[in-house]
Amino acid sequence: MTRIQYQECIDACLESMNACNYSYVSSLKEYDLASLRESMRLDRECADICSYAVQAMTRQSPFVAGILRLCAEICEACADESSKHIHTHCQECIDACRRCAEACRLISDAVKVYA
């Protein structure tokens, strides 16, 4: 696959990475950090794997299908945890993570077919 074919997934990963980073920083400003601890941990995990997935796609890594499957799994976990909270930044994170998970699954399935 080429970078052009990956572009929608790259865009979704970047959006998710940014939403997770924003949610993490915003959570630090909340009064009840203890209740957001797991959400914040997953925000970091998700932002990191999204960044790595973009790197894997842009360099056409032979491991991209597995990386994207892992990215989708972590994005879903992050969205599920964020759905336990009412903060606006958590809601934005949920939407971005779910879109990213879907895009990653589509590309990882396509990579398996064309590999």
PDB file of N, CA and C in Angstrom:
ATOM      1  N   MET A   1       0.846  -1.179   0.000  1.00  0.00           N
ATOM      2  CA  MET A   1       0.000   0.000   0.000  1.00  0.00           C
ATOM      3  C   MET A   1       0.893   1.245   0.000  1.00  0.00           C
ATOM      4  N   THR A   2       0.386   2.297  -0.553  1.00  0.00           N
ATOM      5  CA  THR A   2       1.140   3.542  -0.612  1.00  0.00           C
ATOM      6  C   THR A   2       0.637   4.513   0.449  1.00  0.00           C
ATOM      7  N   ARG A   3       1.398   5.573   0.650  1.00  0.00           N
ATOM      8  CA  ARG A   3       1.005   6.593   1.623  1.00  0.00           C
ATOM      9  C   ARG A   3      -0.378   7.153   1.299  1.00  0.00           C
ATOM     10  N   ILE A   4      -0.673   7.326   0.021  1.00  0.00           N
ATOM     11  CA  ILE A   4      -1.980   7.855  -0.377  1.00  0.00           C
ATOM     12  C   ILE A   4      -3.084   6.908   0.081  1.00  0.00           C
ATOM     13  N   GLN A   5      -2.866   5.619  -0.044  1.00  0.00           N
ATOM     14  CA  GLN A   5      -3.870   4.650   0.382  1.00  0.00           C
ATOM     15  C   GLN A   5      -4.029   4.642   1.913  1.00  0.00           C
ATOM     16  N   TYR A   6      -2.979   4.979   2.622  1.00  0.00           N
ATOM     17  CA  TYR A   6      -3.019   5.029   4.073  1.00  0.00           C
ATOM     18  C   TYR A   6      -3.570   6.356   4.605  1.00  0.00           C
ATOM     19  N   GLN A   7      -3.709   7.367   3.767  1.00  0.00           N
ATOM     20  CA  GLN A   7      -3.932   8.733   4.239  1.00  0.00           C
ATOM     21  C   GLN A   7      -5.126   8.884   5.169  1.00  0.00           C
ATOM     22  N   GLU A   8      -6.244   8.258   4.875  1.00  0.00           N
ATOM     23  CA  GLU A   8      -7.417   8.376   5.750  1.00  0.00           C
ATOM     24  C   GLU A   8      -7.112   7.827   7.144  1.00  0.00           C
ATOM     25  N   CYS A   9      -6.400   6.721   7.190  1.00  0.00           N
ATOM     26  CA  CYS A   9      -6.040   6.129   8.477  1.00  0.00           C
ATOM     27  C   CYS A   9      -5.006   7.000   9.195  1.00  0.00           C
ATOM     28  N   ILE A  10      -4.056   7.533   8.460  1.00  0.00           N
ATOM     29  CA  ILE A  10      -3.063   8.443   9.047  1.00  0.00           C
ATOM     30  C   ILE A  10      -3.781   9.642   9.671  1.00  0.00           C
ATOM     31  N   ASP A  11      -4.723  10.222   8.939  1.00  0.00           N
ATOM     32  CA  ASP A  11      -5.469  11.370   9.448  1.00  0.00           C
ATOM     33  C   ASP A  11      -6.254  11.004  10.717  1.00  0.00           C
ATOM     34  N   ALA A  12      -6.874   9.836  10.724  1.00  0.00           N
ATOM     35  CA  ALA A  12      -7.644   9.397  11.895  1.00  0.00           C
ATOM     36  C   ALA A  12      -6.719   9.174  13.093  1.00  0.00           C
ATOM     37  N   CYS A  13      -5.546   8.608  12.845  1.00  0.00           N
ATOM     38  CA  CYS A  13      -4.583   8.388  13.934  1.00  0.00           C
ATOM     39  C   CYS A  13      -4.088   9.717  14.507  1.00  0.00           C
ATOM     40  N   LEU A  14      -3.814  10.672  13.628  1.00  0.00           N
ATOM     41  CA  LEU A  14      -3.358  11.979  14.106  1.00  0.00           C
ATOM     42  C   LEU A  14      -4.452  12.691  14.897  1.00  0.00           C
ATOM     43  N   GLU A  15      -5.684  12.582  14.440  1.00  0.00           N
ATOM     44  CA  GLU A  15      -6.804  13.192  15.159  1.00  0.00           C
ATOM     45  C   GLU A  15      -6.960  12.553  16.543  1.00  0.00           C
ATOM     46  N   SER A  16      -6.865  11.232  16.588  1.00  0.00           N
ATOM     47  CA  SER A  16      -6.977  10.533  17.863  1.00  0.00           C
ATOM     48  C   SER A  16      -5.821  10.893  18.791  1.00  0.00           C
ATOM     49  N   MET A  17      -4.615  10.926  18.257  1.00  0.00           N
ATOM     50  CA  MET A  17      -3.445  11.292  19.052  1.00  0.00           C
ATOM     51  C   MET A  17      -3.643  12.680  19.664  1.00  0.00           C
ATOM     52  N   ASN A  18      -4.081  13.628  18.857  1.00  0.00           N
ATOM     53  CA  ASN A  18      -4.288  14.987  19.351  1.00  0.00           C
ATOM     54  C   ASN A  18      -5.406  15.051  20.390  1.00  0.00           C
ATOM     55  N   ALA A  19      -6.497  14.343  20.153  1.00  0.00           N
ATOM     56  CA  ALA A  19      -7.608  14.338  21.111  1.00  0.00           C
ATOM     57  C   ALA A  19      -7.188  13.711  22.435  1.00  0.00           C
ATOM     58  N   CYS A  20      -6.417  12.648  22.363  1.00  0.00           N
ATOM     59  CA  CYS A  20      -5.950  11.989  23.588  1.00  0.00           C
ATOM     60  C   CYS A  20      -4.973  12.874  24.355  1.00  0.00           C
ATOM     61  N   ASN A  21      -4.080  13.521  23.646  1.00  0.00           N
ATOM     62  CA  ASN A  21      -3.146  14.435  24.307  1.00  0.00           C
ATOM     63  C   ASN A  21      -3.897  15.586  24.971  1.00  0.00           C
ATOM     64  N   TYR A  22      -4.881  16.123  24.270  1.00  0.00           N
ATOM     65  CA  TYR A  22      -5.681  17.215  24.826  1.00  0.00           C
ATOM     66  C   TYR A  22      -6.467  16.736  26.049  1.00  0.00           C
ATOM     67  N   SER A  23      -7.042  15.554  25.957  1.00  0.00           N
ATOM     68  CA  SER A  23      -7.809  15.010  27.073  1.00  0.00           C
ATOM     69  C   SER A  23      -6.904  14.796  28.286  1.00  0.00           C
ATOM     70  N   TYR A  24      -5.714  14.296  28.054  1.00  0.00           N
ATOM     71  CA  TYR A  24      -4.760  14.067  29.144  1.00  0.00           C
ATOM     72  C   TYR A  24      -4.440  15.389  29.855  1.00  0.00           C
ATOM     73  N   VAL A  25      -4.072  16.393  29.089  1.00  0.00           N
ATOM     74  CA  VAL A  25      -3.712  17.690  29.667  1.00  0.00           C
ATOM     75  C   VAL A  25      -4.916  18.317  30.366  1.00  0.00           C
ATOM     76  N   SER A  26      -6.080  18.202  29.759  1.00  0.00           N
ATOM     77  CA  SER A  26      -7.296  18.754  30.365  1.00  0.00           C
ATOM     78  C   SER A  26      -7.638  18.028  31.662  1.00  0.00           C
ATOM     79  N   SER A  27      -7.405  16.730  31.699  1.00  0.00           N
ATOM     80  CA  SER A  27      -7.686  15.954  32.908  1.00  0.00           C
ATOM     81  C   SER A  27      -6.812  16.402  34.073  1.00  0.00           C
ATOM     82  N   LEU A  28      -5.606  16.824  33.784  1.00  0.00           N
ATOM     83  CA  LEU A  28      -4.711  17.306  34.832  1.00  0.00           C
ATOM     84  C   LEU A  28      -5.269  18.532  35.548  1.00  0.00           C
ATOM     85  N   LYS A  29      -6.181  19.236  34.895  1.00  0.00           N
ATOM     86  CA  LYS A  29      -6.764  20.456  35.454  1.00  0.00           C
ATOM     87  C   LYS A  29      -8.044  20.180  36.252  1.00  0.00           C
ATOM     88  N   GLU A  30      -8.507  18.931  36.231  1.00  0.00           N
ATOM     89  CA  GLU A  30      -9.730  18.575  36.948  1.00  0.00           C
ATOM     90  C   GLU A  30      -9.439  18.395  38.443  1.00  0.00           C
ATOM     91  N   TYR A  31     -10.475  18.544  39.258  1.00  0.00           N
ATOM     92  CA  TYR A  31     -10.311  18.443  40.706  1.00  0.00           C
ATOM     93  C   TYR A  31     -10.123  17.017  41.189  1.00  0.00           C
ATOM     94  N   ASP A  32     -10.806  16.075  40.571  1.00  0.00           N
ATOM     95  CA  ASP A  32     -10.766  14.693  41.046  1.00  0.00           C
ATOM     96  C   ASP A  32      -9.874  13.842  40.152  1.00  0.00           C
ATOM     97  N   LEU A  33      -8.579  14.028  40.284  1.00  0.00           N
ATOM     98  CA  LEU A  33      -7.622  13.290  39.445  1.00  0.00           C
ATOM     99  C   LEU A  33      -7.713  11.786  39.653  1.00  0.00           C
ATOM    100  N   ALA A  34      -8.023  11.373  40.863  1.00  0.00           N
ATOM    101  CA  ALA A  34      -8.081   9.937  41.152  1.00  0.00           C
ATOM    102  C   ALA A  34      -9.102   9.230  40.275  1.00  0.00           C
ATOM    103  N   SER A  35     -10.243   9.872  40.036  1.00  0.00           N
ATOM    104  CA  SER A  35     -11.283   9.234  39.215  1.00  0.00           C
ATOM    105  C   SER A  35     -10.899   9.195  37.738  1.00  0.00           C
ATOM    106  N   LEU A  36      -9.929  10.022  37.340  1.00  0.00           N
ATOM    107  CA  LEU A  36      -9.507  10.087  35.935  1.00  0.00           C
ATOM    108  C   LEU A  36      -8.204   9.341  35.674  1.00  0.00           C
ATOM    109  N   ARG A  37      -7.650   8.728  36.688  1.00  0.00           N
ATOM    110  CA  ARG A  37      -6.335   8.098  36.576  1.00  0.00           C
ATOM    111  C   ARG A  37      -6.256   7.093  35.412  1.00  0.00           C
ATOM    112  N   GLU A  38      -7.191   6.181  35.336  1.00  0.00           N
ATOM    113  CA  GLU A  38      -7.159   5.164  34.275  1.00  0.00           C
ATOM    114  C   GLU A  38      -7.388   5.785  32.901  1.00  0.00           C
ATOM    115  N   SER A  39      -8.268   6.751  32.844  1.00  0.00           N
ATOM    116  CA  SER A  39      -8.523   7.449  31.589  1.00  0.00           C
ATOM    117  C   SER A  39      -7.252   8.163  31.114  1.00  0.00           C
ATOM    118  N   MET A  40      -6.570   8.799  32.030  1.00  0.00           N
ATOM    119  CA  MET A  40      -5.334   9.504  31.686  1.00  0.00           C
ATOM    120  C   MET A  40      -4.253   8.529  31.215  1.00  0.00           C
ATOM    121  N   ARG A  41      -4.158   7.390  31.874  1.00  0.00           N
ATOM    122  CA  ARG A  41      -3.173   6.376  31.462  1.00  0.00           C
ATOM    123  C   ARG A  41      -3.464   5.906  30.039  1.00  0.00           C
ATOM    124  N   LEU A  42      -4.735   5.641  29.763  1.00  0.00           N
ATOM    125  CA  LEU A  42      -5.105   5.188  28.424  1.00  0.00           C
ATOM    126  C   LEU A  42      -4.984   6.302  27.382  1.00  0.00           C
ATOM    127  N   ASP A  43      -5.198   7.544  27.791  1.00  0.00           N
ATOM    128  CA  ASP A  43      -4.953   8.666  26.867  1.00  0.00           C
ATOM    129  C   ASP A  43      -3.506   8.630  26.383  1.00  0.00           C
ATOM    130  N   ARG A  44      -2.583   8.414  27.301  1.00  0.00           N
ATOM    131  CA  ARG A  44      -1.156   8.368  26.943  1.00  0.00           C
ATOM    132  C   ARG A  44      -0.852   7.155  26.062  1.00  0.00           C
ATOM    133  N   GLU A  45      -1.376   6.005  26.445  1.00  0.00           N
ATOM    134  CA  GLU A  45      -1.155   4.787  25.653  1.00  0.00           C
ATOM    135  C   GLU A  45      -1.670   4.978  24.229  1.00  0.00           C
ATOM    136  N   CYS A  46      -2.858   5.547  24.128  1.00  0.00           N
ATOM    137  CA  CYS A  46      -3.496   5.719  22.828  1.00  0.00           C
ATOM    138  C   CYS A  46      -2.740   6.736  21.967  1.00  0.00           C
ATOM    139  N   ALA A  47      -2.373   7.842  22.562  1.00  0.00           N
ATOM    140  CA  ALA A  47      -1.623   8.853  21.804  1.00  0.00           C
ATOM    141  C   ALA A  47      -0.311   8.265  21.293  1.00  0.00           C
ATOM    142  N   ASP A  48       0.355   7.495  22.127  1.00  0.00           N
ATOM    143  CA  ASP A  48       1.642   6.907  21.730  1.00  0.00           C
ATOM    144  C   ASP A  48       1.484   5.898  20.595  1.00  0.00           C
ATOM    145  N   ILE A  49       0.485   5.011  20.685  1.00  0.00           N
ATOM    146  CA  ILE A  49       0.328   3.996  19.635  1.00  0.00           C
ATOM    147  C   ILE A  49      -0.161   4.641  18.343  1.00  0.00           C
ATOM    148  N   CYS A  50      -0.969   5.673  18.449  1.00  0.00           N
ATOM    149  CA  CYS A  50      -1.414   6.367  17.234  1.00  0.00           C
ATOM    150  C   CYS A  50      -0.228   7.008  16.519  1.00  0.00           C
ATOM    151  N   SER A  51       0.645   7.622  17.281  1.00  0.00           N
ATOM    152  CA  SER A  51       1.852   8.217  16.701  1.00  0.00           C
ATOM    153  C   SER A  51       2.711   7.143  16.038  1.00  0.00           C
ATOM    154  N   TYR A  52       2.874   6.029  16.713  1.00  0.00           N
ATOM    155  CA  TYR A  52       3.685   4.942  16.166  1.00  0.00           C
ATOM    156  C   TYR A  52       3.041   4.343  14.914  1.00  0.00           C
ATOM    157  N   ALA A  53       1.717   4.247  14.919  1.00  0.00           N
ATOM    158  CA  ALA A  53       1.011   3.708  13.749  1.00  0.00           C
ATOM    159  C   ALA A  53       1.226   4.603  12.533  1.00  0.00           C
ATOM    160  N   VAL A  54       1.195   5.911  12.745  1.00  0.00           N
ATOM    161  CA  VAL A  54       1.458   6.839  11.640  1.00  0.00           C
ATOM    162  C   VAL A  54       2.866   6.612  11.097  1.00  0.00           C
ATOM    163  N   GLN A  55       3.818   6.471  11.991  1.00  0.00           N
ATOM    164  CA  GLN A  55       5.194   6.223  11.558  1.00  0.00           C
ATOM    165  C   GLN A  55       5.299   4.914  10.770  1.00  0.00           C
ATOM    166  N   ALA A  56       4.636   3.878  11.249  1.00  0.00           N
ATOM    167  CA  ALA A  56       4.679   2.578  10.571  1.00  0.00           C
ATOM    168  C   ALA A  56       4.067   2.660   9.173  1.00  0.00           C
ATOM    169  N   MET A  57       2.965   3.391   9.056  1.00  0.00           N
ATOM    170  CA  MET A  57       2.327   3.530   7.741  1.00  0.00           C
ATOM    171  C   MET A  57       3.193   4.340   6.789  1.00  0.00           C
ATOM    172  N   THR A  58       3.771   5.432   7.271  1.00  0.00           N
ATOM    173  CA  THR A  58       4.538   6.289   6.373  1.00  0.00           C
ATOM    174  C   THR A  58       5.831   5.636   5.908  1.00  0.00           C
ATOM    175  N   ARG A  59       6.375   4.721   6.699  1.00  0.00           N
ATOM    176  CA  ARG A  59       7.592   4.026   6.251  1.00  0.00           C
ATOM    177  C   ARG A  59       7.285   2.648   5.673  1.00  0.00           C
ATOM    178  N   GLN A  60       5.989   2.347   5.545  1.00  0.00           N
ATOM    179  CA  GLN A  60       5.522   1.083   4.971  1.00  0.00           C
ATOM    180  C   GLN A  60       6.162  -0.120   5.666  1.00  0.00           C
ATOM    181  N   SER A  61       6.056  -0.114   6.971  1.00  0.00           N
ATOM    182  CA  SER A  61       6.586  -1.199   7.789  1.00  0.00           C
ATOM    183  C   SER A  61       5.937  -2.528   7.415  1.00  0.00           C
ATOM    184  N   PRO A  62       6.719  -3.611   7.408  1.00  0.00           N
ATOM    185  CA  PRO A  62       6.117  -4.923   7.154  1.00  0.00           C
ATOM    186  C   PRO A  62       5.234  -5.388   8.323  1.00  0.00           C
ATOM    187  N   PHE A  63       5.279  -4.679   9.436  1.00  0.00           N
ATOM    188  CA  PHE A  63       4.493  -5.036  10.612  1.00  0.00           C
ATOM    189  C   PHE A  63       3.249  -4.166  10.771  1.00  0.00           C
ATOM    190  N   VAL A  64       2.925  -3.393   9.745  1.00  0.00           N
ATOM    191  CA  VAL A  64       1.866  -2.396   9.853  1.00  0.00           C
ATOM    192  C   VAL A  64       0.510  -3.010  10.202  1.00  0.00           C
ATOM    193  N   ALA A  65       0.171  -4.161   9.687  1.00  0.00           N
ATOM    194  CA  ALA A  65      -1.136  -4.764   9.982  1.00  0.00           C
ATOM    195  C   ALA A  65      -1.273  -5.039  11.476  1.00  0.00           C
ATOM    196  N   GLY A  66      -0.251  -5.618  12.079  1.00  0.00           N
ATOM    197  CA  GLY A  66      -0.284  -5.892  13.516  1.00  0.00           C
ATOM    198  C   GLY A  66      -0.300  -4.629  14.354  1.00  0.00           C
ATOM    199  N   ILE A  67       0.470  -3.643  13.937  1.00  0.00           N
ATOM    200  CA  ILE A  67       0.502  -2.363  14.652  1.00  0.00           C
ATOM    201  C   ILE A  67      -0.868  -1.698  14.598  1.00  0.00           C
ATOM    202  N   LEU A  68      -1.512  -1.743  13.443  1.00  0.00           N
ATOM    203  CA  LEU A  68      -2.831  -1.128  13.313  1.00  0.00           C
ATOM    204  C   LEU A  68      -3.890  -1.894  14.100  1.00  0.00           C
ATOM    205  N   ARG A  69      -3.781  -3.202  14.174  1.00  0.00           N
ATOM    206  CA  ARG A  69      -4.720  -3.967  15.001  1.00  0.00           C
ATOM    207  C   ARG A  69      -4.556  -3.584  16.473  1.00  0.00           C
ATOM    208  N   LEU A  70      -3.303  -3.456  16.920  1.00  0.00           N
ATOM    209  CA  LEU A  70      -3.039  -3.044  18.298  1.00  0.00           C
ATOM    210  C   LEU A  70      -3.551  -1.620  18.532  1.00  0.00           C
ATOM    211  N   CYS A  71      -3.333  -0.747  17.576  1.00  0.00           N
ATOM    212  CA  CYS A  71      -3.817   0.628  17.683  1.00  0.00           C
ATOM    213  C   CYS A  71      -5.338   0.641  17.843  1.00  0.00           C
ATOM    214  N   ALA A  72      -6.021  -0.147  17.047  1.00  0.00           N
ATOM    215  CA  ALA A  72      -7.488  -0.217  17.134  1.00  0.00           C
ATOM    216  C   ALA A  72      -7.919  -0.717  18.513  1.00  0.00           C
ATOM    217  N   GLU A  73      -7.236  -1.713  19.028  1.00  0.00           N
ATOM    218  CA  GLU A  73      -7.567  -2.277  20.341  1.00  0.00           C
ATOM    219  C   GLU A  73      -7.378  -1.227  21.452  1.00  0.00           C
ATOM    220  N   ILE A  74      -6.276  -0.508  21.412  1.00  0.00           N
ATOM    221  CA  ILE A  74      -6.008   0.503  22.434  1.00  0.00           C
ATOM    222  C   ILE A  74      -6.965   1.681  22.293  1.00  0.00           C
ATOM    223  N   CYS A  75      -7.265   2.083  21.055  1.00  0.00           N
ATOM    224  CA  CYS A  75      -8.231   3.167  20.845  1.00  0.00           C
ATOM    225  C   CYS A  75      -9.600   2.799  21.411  1.00  0.00           C
ATOM    226  N   GLU A  76     -10.027   1.582  21.206  1.00  0.00           N
ATOM    227  CA  GLU A  76     -11.318   1.140  21.754  1.00  0.00           C
ATOM    228  C   GLU A  76     -11.295   1.151  23.276  1.00  0.00           C
ATOM    229  N   ALA A  77     -10.201   0.676  23.865  1.00  0.00           N
ATOM    230  CA  ALA A  77     -10.086   0.681  25.332  1.00  0.00           C
ATOM    231  C   ALA A  77     -10.118   2.110  25.869  1.00  0.00           C
ATOM    232  N   CYS A  78      -9.447   3.014  25.189  1.00  0.00           N
ATOM    233  CA  CYS A  78      -9.426   4.418  25.597  1.00  0.00           C
ATOM    234  C   CYS A  78     -10.835   5.020  25.488  1.00  0.00           C
ATOM    235  N   ALA A  79     -11.518   4.747  24.402  1.00  0.00           N
ATOM    236  CA  ALA A  79     -12.882   5.255  24.223  1.00  0.00           C
ATOM    237  C   ALA A  79     -13.821   4.687  25.285  1.00  0.00           C
ATOM    238  N   ASP A  80     -13.688   3.403  25.573  1.00  0.00           N
ATOM    239  CA  ASP A  80     -14.540   2.782  26.592  1.00  0.00           C
ATOM    240  C   ASP A  80     -14.317   3.417  27.960  1.00  0.00           C
ATOM    241  N   GLU A  81     -13.061   3.632  28.319  1.00  0.00           N
ATOM    242  CA  GLU A  81     -12.759   4.257  29.613  1.00  0.00           C
ATOM    243  C   GLU A  81     -13.235   5.708  29.644  1.00  0.00           C
ATOM    244  N   SER A  82     -13.013   6.433  28.564  1.00  0.00           N
ATOM    245  CA  SER A  82     -13.427   7.840  28.511  1.00  0.00           C
ATOM    246  C   SER A  82     -14.941   7.976  28.604  1.00  0.00           C
ATOM    247  N   SER A  83     -15.671   6.960  28.152  1.00  0.00           N
ATOM    248  CA  SER A  83     -17.140   7.028  28.188  1.00  0.00           C
ATOM    249  C   SER A  83     -17.683   6.994  29.620  1.00  0.00           C
ATOM    250  N   LYS A  84     -16.838   6.717  30.592  1.00  0.00           N
ATOM    251  CA  LYS A  84     -17.252   6.717  31.995  1.00  0.00           C
ATOM    252  C   LYS A  84     -17.264   8.131  32.580  1.00  0.00           C
ATOM    253  N   HIS A  85     -16.812   9.106  31.802  1.00  0.00           N
ATOM    254  CA  HIS A  85     -16.663  10.470  32.304  1.00  0.00           C
ATOM    255  C   HIS A  85     -17.496  11.447  31.470  1.00  0.00           C
ATOM    256  N   ILE A  86     -17.904  12.531  32.089  1.00  0.00           N
ATOM    257  CA  ILE A  86     -18.799  13.482  31.434  1.00  0.00           C
ATOM    258  C   ILE A  86     -18.082  14.699  30.854  1.00  0.00           C
ATOM    259  N   HIS A  87     -16.803  14.820  31.075  1.00  0.00           N
ATOM    260  CA  HIS A  87     -16.068  15.990  30.623  1.00  0.00           C
ATOM    261  C   HIS A  87     -16.092  16.097  29.097  1.00  0.00           C
ATOM    262  N   THR A  88     -16.130  17.311  28.599  1.00  0.00           N
ATOM    263  CA  THR A  88     -16.155  17.544  27.155  1.00  0.00           C
ATOM    264  C   THR A  88     -14.937  16.942  26.485  1.00  0.00           C
ATOM    265  N   HIS A  89     -13.779  17.100  27.099  1.00  0.00           N
ATOM    266  CA  HIS A  89     -12.563  16.561  26.487  1.00  0.00           C
ATOM    267  C   HIS A  89     -12.605  15.045  26.404  1.00  0.00           C
ATOM    268  N   CYS A  90     -13.281  14.398  27.328  1.00  0.00           N
ATOM    269  CA  CYS A  90     -13.428  12.939  27.266  1.00  0.00           C
ATOM    270  C   CYS A  90     -14.349  12.554  26.111  1.00  0.00           C
ATOM    271  N   GLN A  91     -15.420  13.309  25.924  1.00  0.00           N
ATOM    272  CA  GLN A  91     -16.358  13.017  24.844  1.00  0.00           C
ATOM    273  C   GLN A  91     -15.693  13.183  23.480  1.00  0.00           C
ATOM    274  N   GLU A  92     -14.873  14.209  23.336  1.00  0.00           N
ATOM    275  CA  GLU A  92     -14.149  14.415  22.079  1.00  0.00           C
ATOM    276  C   GLU A  92     -13.158  13.278  21.835  1.00  0.00           C
ATOM    277  N   CYS A  93     -12.558  12.810  22.885  1.00  0.00           N
ATOM    278  CA  CYS A  93     -11.611  11.701  22.792  1.00  0.00           C
ATOM    279  C   CYS A  93     -12.324  10.416  22.335  1.00  0.00           C
ATOM    280  N   ILE A  94     -13.497  10.183  22.878  1.00  0.00           N
ATOM    281  CA  ILE A  94     -14.273   8.992  22.499  1.00  0.00           C
ATOM    282  C   ILE A  94     -14.501   8.968  20.989  1.00  0.00           C
ATOM    283  N   ASP A  95     -14.991  10.065  20.451  1.00  0.00           N
ATOM    284  CA  ASP A  95     -15.302  10.137  19.021  1.00  0.00           C
ATOM    285  C   ASP A  95     -14.056   9.908  18.166  1.00  0.00           C
ATOM    286  N   ALA A  96     -12.971  10.567  18.509  1.00  0.00           N
ATOM    287  CA  ALA A  96     -11.736  10.436  17.726  1.00  0.00           C
ATOM    288  C   ALA A  96     -11.175   9.020  17.823  1.00  0.00           C
ATOM    289  N   CYS A  97     -11.218   8.440  19.003  1.00  0.00           N
ATOM    290  CA  CYS A  97     -10.689   7.082  19.185  1.00  0.00           C
ATOM    291  C   CYS A  97     -11.510   6.049  18.415  1.00  0.00           C
ATOM    292  N   ARG A  98     -12.800   6.191  18.433  1.00  0.00           N
ATOM    293  CA  ARG A  98     -13.653   5.232  17.703  1.00  0.00           C
ATOM    294  C   ARG A  98     -13.431   5.338  16.192  1.00  0.00           C
ATOM    295  N   ARG A  99     -13.300   6.561  15.679  1.00  0.00           N
ATOM    296  CA  ARG A  99     -13.016   6.734  14.243  1.00  0.00           C
ATOM    297  C   ARG A  99     -11.654   6.127  13.893  1.00  0.00           C
ATOM    298  N   CYS A 100     -10.699   6.324  14.747  1.00  0.00           N
ATOM    299  CA  CYS A 100      -9.365   5.787  14.502  1.00  0.00           C
ATOM    300  C   CYS A 100      -9.387   4.251  14.521  1.00  0.00           C
ATOM    301  N   ALA A 101     -10.064   3.680  15.492  1.00  0.00           N
ATOM    302  CA  ALA A 101     -10.145   2.218  15.580  1.00  0.00           C
ATOM    303  C   ALA A 101     -10.754   1.635  14.306  1.00  0.00           C
ATOM    304  N   GLU A 102     -11.811   2.261  13.822  1.00  0.00           N
ATOM    305  CA  GLU A 102     -12.453   1.784  12.597  1.00  0.00           C
ATOM    306  C   GLU A 102     -11.506   1.892  11.394  1.00  0.00           C
ATOM    307  N   ALA A 103     -10.839   3.022  11.263  1.00  0.00           N
ATOM    308  CA  ALA A 103      -9.907   3.216  10.145  1.00  0.00           C
ATOM    309  C   ALA A 103      -8.745   2.227  10.224  1.00  0.00           C
ATOM    310  N   CYS A 104      -8.234   1.991  11.413  1.00  0.00           N
ATOM    311  CA  CYS A 104      -7.119   1.045  11.571  1.00  0.00           C
ATOM    312  C   CYS A 104      -7.535  -0.374  11.207  1.00  0.00           C
ATOM    313  N   ARG A 105      -8.740  -0.757  11.607  1.00  0.00           N
ATOM    314  CA  ARG A 105      -9.215  -2.106  11.269  1.00  0.00           C
ATOM    315  C   ARG A 105      -9.394  -2.274   9.763  1.00  0.00           C
ATOM    316  N   LEU A 106      -9.923  -1.260   9.112  1.00  0.00           N
ATOM    317  CA  LEU A 106     -10.112  -1.335   7.660  1.00  0.00           C
ATOM    318  C   LEU A 106      -8.775  -1.515   6.938  1.00  0.00           C
ATOM    319  N   ILE A 107      -7.789  -0.737   7.319  1.00  0.00           N
ATOM    320  CA  ILE A 107      -6.484  -0.825   6.664  1.00  0.00           C
ATOM    321  C   ILE A 107      -5.776  -2.114   7.034  1.00  0.00           C
ATOM    322  N   SER A 108      -5.842  -2.527   8.300  1.00  0.00           N
ATOM    323  CA  SER A 108      -5.143  -3.762   8.680  1.00  0.00           C
ATOM    324  C   SER A 108      -5.742  -4.960   7.949  1.00  0.00           C
ATOM    325  N   ASP A 109      -7.048  -4.960   7.729  1.00  0.00           N
ATOM    326  CA  ASP A 109      -7.687  -6.041   6.962  1.00  0.00           C
ATOM    327  C   ASP A 109      -7.257  -5.993   5.503  1.00  0.00           C
ATOM    328  N   ALA A 110      -7.146  -4.785   4.941  1.00  0.00           N
ATOM    329  CA  ALA A 110      -6.728  -4.626   3.544  1.00  0.00           C
ATOM    330  C   ALA A 110      -5.276  -5.042   3.366  1.00  0.00           C
ATOM    331  N   VAL A 111      -4.434  -4.720   4.331  1.00  0.00           N
ATOM    332  CA  VAL A 111      -3.019  -5.079   4.249  1.00  0.00           C
ATOM    333  C   VAL A 111      -2.868  -6.591   4.239  1.00  0.00           C
ATOM    334  N   LYS A 112      -3.663  -7.285   5.057  1.00  0.00           N
ATOM    335  CA  LYS A 112      -3.600  -8.740   5.096  1.00  0.00           C
ATOM    336  C   LYS A 112      -3.990  -9.334   3.750  1.00  0.00           C
ATOM    337  N   VAL A 113      -4.987  -8.735   3.101  1.00  0.00           N
ATOM    338  CA  VAL A 113      -5.472  -9.224   1.810  1.00  0.00           C
ATOM    339  C   VAL A 113      -4.412  -9.027   0.727  1.00  0.00           C
ATOM    340  N   TYR A 114      -3.761  -7.845   0.741  1.00  0.00           N
ATOM    341  CA  TYR A 114      -2.818  -7.510  -0.322  1.00  0.00           C
ATOM    342  C   TYR A 114      -1.389  -7.908  -0.029  1.00  0.00           C
ATOM    343  N   ALA A 115      -1.113  -8.355   1.170  1.00  0.00           N
ATOM    344  CA  ALA A 115       0.271  -8.703   1.527  1.00  0.00           C
ATOM    345  C   ALA A 115       0.731  -9.979   0.861  1.00  0.00           C
TER     346      ALA A 115
END
